[in-house]
Amino acid sequence: MVLALAVGCSHTEPASSPTVTAGQVAIRLSAHIKSIAAMVDYTAATDNEHLLGRPGGYLSKTLLTDNRVSDSGKAITPVDRGGIVEVFADSDEATARVDSLRKAVTNTGSGEYDYLHGAIVLRVSRLLTPSQASEYQKALTDTG
């Protein structure tokens, strides 16, 4: 006699699973923002925030270097160099990340610009002017 036991475990994909990586978003942004000089994809080993690939963390992350940010020592964090693209499993996780970043800005006064588009979070350097930062927001929205 064979007895089969079904245990209540199932795996379903998130409803709004992203179809792009942070690197692909960065390439699309660079087509609209000519001052993006370099892009670097993070790995779990190089991610200084230790969120890449972890539960509730991002699936991919790419650093953008904007040549309008001078290298005069003002850049304290990686995002200060231009921006960071983070792609999450779904828009709920991305929204939670933006909420967390905004709370941190309120507590520390760091002042980065944070934009949300679906499962994508775009963090833009506080060293850019508001109009320069809005170029990133427009490009993110336009590139879908």
N, C-alpha and C. Protein backbone atom coordinates (compact mmCIF):
# COMPACT_ATOMS: atom_id res chain seq x y z
N MET A 1 0.83 -1.17 0.00
CA MET A 1 0.00 0.00 0.00
C MET A 1 0.89 1.24 0.00
N VAL A 2 0.55 2.17 -0.86
CA VAL A 2 1.28 3.43 -0.94
C VAL A 2 0.39 4.53 -0.40
N LEU A 3 0.95 5.30 0.48
CA LEU A 3 0.19 6.40 1.08
C LEU A 3 0.84 7.71 0.68
N ALA A 4 0.07 8.57 0.07
CA ALA A 4 0.59 9.88 -0.34
C ALA A 4 0.05 10.93 0.60
N LEU A 5 0.91 11.78 1.02
CA LEU A 5 0.52 12.86 1.93
C LEU A 5 0.78 14.18 1.24
N ALA A 6 -0.26 14.95 1.08
CA ALA A 6 -0.11 16.27 0.46
C ALA A 6 0.02 17.31 1.56
N VAL A 7 1.11 18.01 1.52
CA VAL A 7 1.36 19.06 2.51
C VAL A 7 1.03 20.40 1.86
N GLY A 8 0.48 21.30 2.63
CA GLY A 8 0.05 22.59 2.09
C GLY A 8 1.18 23.52 1.74
N CYS A 9 2.02 23.14 0.83
CA CYS A 9 3.10 24.00 0.36
C CYS A 9 2.91 24.25 -1.12
N SER A 10 2.94 25.47 -1.47
CA SER A 10 2.87 25.78 -2.90
C SER A 10 3.69 27.02 -3.16
N HIS A 11 4.13 27.16 -4.36
CA HIS A 11 4.93 28.32 -4.75
C HIS A 11 4.24 28.98 -5.93
N THR A 12 3.95 30.22 -5.77
CA THR A 12 3.38 30.98 -6.88
C THR A 12 4.24 32.19 -7.13
N GLU A 13 4.33 32.57 -8.35
CA GLU A 13 5.09 33.76 -8.72
C GLU A 13 4.31 35.00 -8.33
N PRO A 14 5.03 36.08 -7.96
CA PRO A 14 4.33 37.33 -7.67
C PRO A 14 3.54 37.79 -8.88
N ALA A 15 2.40 38.40 -8.64
CA ALA A 15 1.51 38.82 -9.72
C ALA A 15 2.17 39.83 -10.65
N SER A 16 2.98 40.72 -10.11
CA SER A 16 3.58 41.75 -10.95
C SER A 16 5.09 41.60 -10.99
N SER A 17 5.56 40.39 -11.22
CA SER A 17 6.98 40.11 -11.26
C SER A 17 7.65 40.94 -12.35
N PRO A 18 8.79 41.59 -12.03
CA PRO A 18 9.43 42.46 -13.01
C PRO A 18 10.00 41.67 -14.19
N THR A 19 10.03 42.31 -15.32
CA THR A 19 10.57 41.67 -16.52
C THR A 19 11.90 42.30 -16.91
N VAL A 20 12.39 43.25 -16.12
CA VAL A 20 13.66 43.91 -16.43
C VAL A 20 14.59 43.83 -15.22
N THR A 21 15.86 44.00 -15.50
CA THR A 21 16.86 44.09 -14.43
C THR A 21 17.21 45.55 -14.22
N ALA A 22 17.87 45.83 -13.12
CA ALA A 22 18.32 47.20 -12.84
C ALA A 22 19.29 47.67 -13.93
N GLY A 23 20.12 46.77 -14.42
CA GLY A 23 21.05 47.13 -15.49
C GLY A 23 20.34 47.53 -16.76
N GLN A 24 19.27 46.83 -17.10
CA GLN A 24 18.49 47.19 -18.29
C GLN A 24 17.82 48.54 -18.12
N VAL A 25 17.30 48.81 -16.93
CA VAL A 25 16.69 50.12 -16.66
C VAL A 25 17.75 51.20 -16.77
N ALA A 26 18.94 50.95 -16.24
CA ALA A 26 20.03 51.93 -16.30
C ALA A 26 20.40 52.25 -17.75
N ILE A 27 20.46 51.24 -18.59
CA ILE A 27 20.77 51.47 -20.01
C ILE A 27 19.70 52.34 -20.65
N ARG A 28 18.44 52.07 -20.35
CA ARG A 28 17.34 52.88 -20.89
C ARG A 28 17.44 54.32 -20.40
N LEU A 29 17.76 54.50 -19.12
CA LEU A 29 17.91 55.86 -18.57
C LEU A 29 19.04 56.60 -19.27
N SER A 30 20.15 55.90 -19.53
CA SER A 30 21.30 56.55 -20.15
C SER A 30 21.02 56.99 -21.58
N ALA A 31 20.03 56.39 -22.22
CA ALA A 31 19.64 56.83 -23.56
C ALA A 31 18.96 58.20 -23.51
N HIS A 32 18.37 58.54 -22.36
CA HIS A 32 17.67 59.82 -22.19
C HIS A 32 18.50 60.85 -21.45
N ILE A 33 19.41 60.39 -20.61
CA ILE A 33 20.22 61.30 -19.78
C ILE A 33 21.68 61.11 -20.19
N LYS A 34 22.16 62.02 -21.00
CA LYS A 34 23.50 61.89 -21.59
C LYS A 34 24.63 62.08 -20.58
N SER A 35 24.32 62.62 -19.40
CA SER A 35 25.36 62.83 -18.39
C SER A 35 25.65 61.58 -17.56
N ILE A 36 24.93 60.48 -17.82
CA ILE A 36 25.26 59.22 -17.15
C ILE A 36 26.54 58.70 -17.80
N ALA A 37 27.60 58.67 -17.00
CA ALA A 37 28.92 58.35 -17.54
C ALA A 37 29.32 56.89 -17.35
N ALA A 38 28.76 56.24 -16.34
CA ALA A 38 29.14 54.85 -16.07
C ALA A 38 28.01 54.15 -15.32
N MET A 39 27.99 52.82 -15.45
CA MET A 39 27.00 51.99 -14.75
C MET A 39 27.72 50.76 -14.20
N VAL A 40 27.40 50.40 -12.98
CA VAL A 40 28.02 49.23 -12.36
C VAL A 40 26.92 48.39 -11.72
N ASP A 41 26.83 47.13 -12.12
CA ASP A 41 25.87 46.20 -11.52
C ASP A 41 26.45 45.66 -10.21
N TYR A 42 25.62 45.63 -9.19
CA TYR A 42 26.02 45.06 -7.91
C TYR A 42 25.79 43.55 -7.91
N THR A 43 26.52 42.86 -7.06
CA THR A 43 26.29 41.45 -6.75
C THR A 43 25.97 41.37 -5.26
N ALA A 44 25.56 40.21 -4.80
CA ALA A 44 25.30 40.05 -3.36
C ALA A 44 26.57 40.34 -2.56
N ALA A 45 27.74 40.06 -3.13
CA ALA A 45 29.00 40.30 -2.43
C ALA A 45 29.39 41.78 -2.40
N THR A 46 28.98 42.56 -3.40
CA THR A 46 29.38 43.97 -3.46
C THR A 46 28.30 44.93 -2.97
N ASP A 47 27.12 44.43 -2.67
CA ASP A 47 26.03 45.29 -2.21
C ASP A 47 26.29 45.73 -0.77
N ASN A 48 26.61 47.01 -0.60
CA ASN A 48 26.93 47.53 0.73
C ASN A 48 25.73 47.57 1.68
N GLU A 49 24.52 47.48 1.14
CA GLU A 49 23.33 47.48 1.99
C GLU A 49 22.85 46.07 2.34
N HIS A 50 23.45 45.07 1.71
CA HIS A 50 23.16 43.66 1.99
C HIS A 50 21.68 43.31 1.83
N LEU A 51 21.06 43.87 0.79
CA LEU A 51 19.65 43.58 0.50
C LEU A 51 19.46 42.79 -0.79
N LEU A 52 20.49 42.69 -1.60
CA LEU A 52 20.38 42.04 -2.91
C LEU A 52 20.12 40.54 -2.75
N GLY A 53 18.96 40.11 -3.28
CA GLY A 53 18.60 38.71 -3.26
C GLY A 53 18.05 38.20 -1.94
N ARG A 54 17.90 39.07 -0.98
CA ARG A 54 17.39 38.66 0.33
C ARG A 54 15.88 38.88 0.41
N PRO A 55 15.19 38.19 1.31
CA PRO A 55 13.74 38.39 1.44
C PRO A 55 13.40 39.86 1.67
N GLY A 56 12.49 40.37 0.87
CA GLY A 56 12.09 41.78 0.96
C GLY A 56 13.07 42.73 0.31
N GLY A 57 14.21 42.23 -0.13
CA GLY A 57 15.23 43.06 -0.77
C GLY A 57 15.03 43.11 -2.27
N TYR A 58 15.93 43.80 -2.93
CA TYR A 58 15.83 43.94 -4.38
C TYR A 58 16.41 42.72 -5.09
N LEU A 59 15.94 42.53 -6.32
CA LEU A 59 16.41 41.42 -7.16
C LEU A 59 17.66 41.80 -7.92
N SER A 60 17.80 43.10 -8.23
CA SER A 60 18.98 43.60 -8.92
C SER A 60 19.18 45.06 -8.55
N LYS A 61 20.45 45.51 -8.68
CA LYS A 61 20.81 46.87 -8.28
C LYS A 61 21.95 47.34 -9.16
N THR A 62 21.84 48.58 -9.67
CA THR A 62 22.87 49.15 -10.54
C THR A 62 23.17 50.58 -10.11
N LEU A 63 24.46 50.89 -10.01
CA LEU A 63 24.93 52.23 -9.69
C LEU A 63 25.08 53.04 -10.97
N LEU A 64 24.63 54.29 -10.94
CA LEU A 64 24.80 55.22 -12.06
C LEU A 64 25.75 56.32 -11.62
N THR A 65 26.73 56.65 -12.46
CA THR A 65 27.60 57.78 -12.20
C THR A 65 27.21 58.89 -13.17
N ASP A 66 26.89 60.06 -12.62
CA ASP A 66 26.47 61.22 -13.42
C ASP A 66 27.61 62.22 -13.42
N ASN A 67 28.09 62.61 -14.61
CA ASN A 67 29.25 63.50 -14.67
C ASN A 67 28.95 64.93 -14.24
N ARG A 68 27.70 65.24 -13.92
CA ARG A 68 27.37 66.56 -13.37
C ARG A 68 27.65 66.63 -11.87
N VAL A 69 27.90 65.49 -11.26
CA VAL A 69 28.28 65.46 -9.84
C VAL A 69 29.80 65.53 -9.80
N SER A 70 30.31 66.61 -9.21
CA SER A 70 31.76 66.77 -9.16
C SER A 70 32.35 65.76 -8.19
N ASP A 71 33.57 65.38 -8.45
CA ASP A 71 34.26 64.43 -7.59
C ASP A 71 35.10 65.18 -6.56
N SER A 72 34.47 66.15 -5.91
CA SER A 72 35.19 67.02 -4.99
C SER A 72 35.15 66.53 -3.55
N GLY A 73 34.79 65.29 -3.35
CA GLY A 73 34.74 64.76 -2.01
C GLY A 73 33.38 64.89 -1.34
N LYS A 74 32.41 65.50 -2.02
CA LYS A 74 31.07 65.64 -1.44
C LYS A 74 30.30 64.33 -1.48
N ALA A 75 30.66 63.46 -2.41
CA ALA A 75 29.95 62.19 -2.55
C ALA A 75 30.31 61.29 -1.36
N ILE A 76 29.36 61.12 -0.48
CA ILE A 76 29.57 60.36 0.74
C ILE A 76 29.09 58.92 0.57
N THR A 77 27.98 58.75 -0.12
CA THR A 77 27.40 57.43 -0.33
C THR A 77 27.43 57.11 -1.82
N PRO A 78 27.29 55.84 -2.19
CA PRO A 78 27.27 55.51 -3.62
C PRO A 78 26.20 56.28 -4.40
N VAL A 79 25.01 56.46 -3.83
CA VAL A 79 23.94 57.17 -4.55
C VAL A 79 24.34 58.61 -4.84
N ASP A 80 25.21 59.21 -4.02
CA ASP A 80 25.66 60.58 -4.25
C ASP A 80 26.38 60.75 -5.59
N ARG A 81 26.93 59.69 -6.14
CA ARG A 81 27.68 59.77 -7.39
C ARG A 81 26.79 60.00 -8.60
N GLY A 82 25.49 59.79 -8.44
CA GLY A 82 24.54 59.98 -9.54
C GLY A 82 23.21 59.37 -9.20
N GLY A 83 23.19 58.06 -9.05
CA GLY A 83 21.94 57.40 -8.69
C GLY A 83 22.10 55.91 -8.59
N ILE A 84 21.04 55.28 -8.13
CA ILE A 84 20.99 53.82 -8.01
C ILE A 84 19.62 53.35 -8.47
N VAL A 85 19.61 52.30 -9.28
CA VAL A 85 18.37 51.65 -9.70
C VAL A 85 18.26 50.35 -8.92
N GLU A 86 17.10 50.13 -8.31
CA GLU A 86 16.81 48.89 -7.58
C GLU A 86 15.52 48.31 -8.15
N VAL A 87 15.54 47.02 -8.48
CA VAL A 87 14.35 46.35 -9.00
C VAL A 87 13.92 45.29 -7.98
N PHE A 88 12.64 45.32 -7.63
CA PHE A 88 12.05 44.44 -6.63
C PHE A 88 11.15 43.41 -7.29
N ALA A 89 10.72 42.42 -6.52
CA ALA A 89 9.84 41.37 -7.03
C ALA A 89 8.47 41.93 -7.39
N ASP A 90 8.02 42.95 -6.67
CA ASP A 90 6.71 43.53 -6.97
C ASP A 90 6.65 44.97 -6.46
N SER A 91 5.58 45.64 -6.82
CA SER A 91 5.44 47.06 -6.46
C SER A 91 5.26 47.26 -4.96
N ASP A 92 4.70 46.29 -4.26
CA ASP A 92 4.55 46.42 -2.80
C ASP A 92 5.91 46.50 -2.11
N GLU A 93 6.83 45.63 -2.52
CA GLU A 93 8.18 45.66 -1.94
C GLU A 93 8.90 46.95 -2.31
N ALA A 94 8.71 47.41 -3.54
CA ALA A 94 9.34 48.67 -3.96
C ALA A 94 8.78 49.85 -3.17
N THR A 95 7.48 49.85 -2.95
CA THR A 95 6.84 50.92 -2.16
C THR A 95 7.37 50.91 -0.73
N ALA A 96 7.51 49.73 -0.15
CA ALA A 96 8.05 49.62 1.21
C ALA A 96 9.47 50.16 1.26
N ARG A 97 10.25 49.92 0.23
CA ARG A 97 11.63 50.43 0.18
C ARG A 97 11.63 51.96 0.14
N VAL A 98 10.80 52.55 -0.71
CA VAL A 98 10.73 54.01 -0.80
C VAL A 98 10.29 54.60 0.54
N ASP A 99 9.32 53.99 1.17
CA ASP A 99 8.88 54.46 2.49
C ASP A 99 10.04 54.43 3.49
N SER A 100 10.81 53.35 3.46
CA SER A 100 11.95 53.21 4.35
C SER A 100 13.02 54.27 4.06
N LEU A 101 13.29 54.51 2.78
CA LEU A 101 14.27 55.52 2.40
C LEU A 101 13.82 56.91 2.83
N ARG A 102 12.56 57.20 2.65
CA ARG A 102 12.05 58.53 3.02
C ARG A 102 12.10 58.75 4.53
N LYS A 103 11.85 57.71 5.30
CA LYS A 103 11.98 57.82 6.76
C LYS A 103 13.43 58.09 7.14
N ALA A 104 14.35 57.41 6.47
CA ALA A 104 15.77 57.61 6.75
C ALA A 104 16.19 59.03 6.41
N VAL A 105 15.68 59.57 5.31
CA VAL A 105 16.00 60.94 4.91
C VAL A 105 15.49 61.91 5.96
N THR A 106 14.30 61.67 6.47
CA THR A 106 13.73 62.53 7.51
C THR A 106 14.59 62.50 8.76
N ASN A 107 15.09 61.32 9.11
CA ASN A 107 15.89 61.17 10.33
C ASN A 107 17.32 61.66 10.17
N THR A 108 17.89 61.53 8.98
CA THR A 108 19.30 61.89 8.79
C THR A 108 19.50 63.18 8.01
N GLY A 109 18.48 63.62 7.29
CA GLY A 109 18.62 64.83 6.49
C GLY A 109 19.49 64.66 5.26
N SER A 110 19.64 63.42 4.78
CA SER A 110 20.52 63.18 3.63
C SER A 110 19.97 63.75 2.33
N GLY A 111 18.66 63.73 2.15
CA GLY A 111 18.03 64.45 1.06
C GLY A 111 18.13 63.90 -0.34
N GLU A 112 18.27 62.60 -0.55
CA GLU A 112 18.27 62.07 -1.91
C GLU A 112 16.87 62.15 -2.49
N TYR A 113 16.79 62.09 -3.81
CA TYR A 113 15.50 62.05 -4.51
C TYR A 113 15.16 60.59 -4.76
N ASP A 114 13.96 60.16 -4.40
CA ASP A 114 13.54 58.78 -4.59
C ASP A 114 12.30 58.73 -5.46
N TYR A 115 12.36 57.93 -6.53
CA TYR A 115 11.25 57.80 -7.46
C TYR A 115 10.83 56.34 -7.56
N LEU A 116 9.54 56.12 -7.65
CA LEU A 116 8.97 54.78 -7.71
C LEU A 116 8.21 54.62 -9.02
N HIS A 117 8.46 53.51 -9.70
CA HIS A 117 7.73 53.19 -10.93
C HIS A 117 7.50 51.68 -10.95
N GLY A 118 6.32 51.25 -10.52
CA GLY A 118 6.04 49.82 -10.45
C GLY A 118 6.95 49.16 -9.44
N ALA A 119 7.73 48.17 -9.88
CA ALA A 119 8.65 47.45 -9.01
C ALA A 119 10.06 48.05 -9.03
N ILE A 120 10.20 49.24 -9.64
CA ILE A 120 11.50 49.89 -9.78
C ILE A 120 11.59 51.07 -8.83
N VAL A 121 12.71 51.14 -8.09
CA VAL A 121 13.02 52.30 -7.26
C VAL A 121 14.24 52.96 -7.87
N LEU A 122 14.14 54.26 -8.11
CA LEU A 122 15.25 55.04 -8.63
C LEU A 122 15.64 56.06 -7.58
N ARG A 123 16.86 55.93 -7.09
CA ARG A 123 17.40 56.84 -6.08
C ARG A 123 18.38 57.78 -6.77
N VAL A 124 18.18 59.08 -6.62
CA VAL A 124 18.99 60.06 -7.35
C VAL A 124 19.74 60.95 -6.36
N SER A 125 20.95 61.30 -6.73
CA SER A 125 21.86 62.06 -5.87
C SER A 125 21.29 63.38 -5.40
N ARG A 126 21.50 63.66 -4.12
CA ARG A 126 21.14 64.94 -3.53
C ARG A 126 22.03 66.06 -4.05
N LEU A 127 23.15 65.71 -4.69
CA LEU A 127 24.08 66.70 -5.21
C LEU A 127 23.65 67.24 -6.57
N LEU A 128 22.61 66.67 -7.16
CA LEU A 128 22.02 67.21 -8.38
C LEU A 128 20.95 68.21 -8.00
N THR A 129 20.70 69.17 -8.88
CA THR A 129 19.64 70.15 -8.63
C THR A 129 18.28 69.47 -8.79
N PRO A 130 17.23 70.08 -8.26
CA PRO A 130 15.90 69.49 -8.46
C PRO A 130 15.54 69.30 -9.93
N SER A 131 15.91 70.24 -10.79
CA SER A 131 15.57 70.08 -12.22
C SER A 131 16.39 68.96 -12.86
N GLN A 132 17.64 68.79 -12.44
CA GLN A 132 18.44 67.68 -12.96
C GLN A 132 17.87 66.35 -12.48
N ALA A 133 17.47 66.28 -11.23
CA ALA A 133 16.88 65.05 -10.69
C ALA A 133 15.57 64.72 -11.39
N SER A 134 14.80 65.74 -11.73
CA SER A 134 13.52 65.49 -12.41
C SER A 134 13.72 64.89 -13.80
N GLU A 135 14.90 65.08 -14.40
CA GLU A 135 15.21 64.42 -15.68
C GLU A 135 15.19 62.90 -15.50
N TYR A 136 15.69 62.45 -14.37
CA TYR A 136 15.68 61.01 -14.07
C TYR A 136 14.25 60.51 -13.91
N GLN A 137 13.44 61.26 -13.19
CA GLN A 137 12.04 60.86 -12.99
C GLN A 137 11.32 60.76 -14.32
N LYS A 138 11.51 61.75 -15.18
CA LYS A 138 10.86 61.75 -16.49
C LYS A 138 11.35 60.57 -17.33
N ALA A 139 12.65 60.35 -17.34
CA ALA A 139 13.21 59.25 -18.13
C ALA A 139 12.70 57.90 -17.62
N LEU A 140 12.59 57.75 -16.31
CA LEU A 140 12.07 56.50 -15.75
C LEU A 140 10.64 56.26 -16.19
N THR A 141 9.83 57.29 -16.13
CA THR A 141 8.42 57.18 -16.53
C THR A 141 8.30 56.93 -18.03
N ASP A 142 9.12 57.63 -18.82
CA ASP A 142 9.06 57.50 -20.28
C ASP A 142 9.56 56.15 -20.78
N THR A 143 10.52 55.55 -20.06
CA THR A 143 11.07 54.28 -20.52
C THR A 143 10.26 53.09 -20.05
N GLY A 144 9.30 53.33 -19.15
CA GLY A 144 8.41 52.26 -18.68
C GLY A 144 9.16 51.26 -17.94
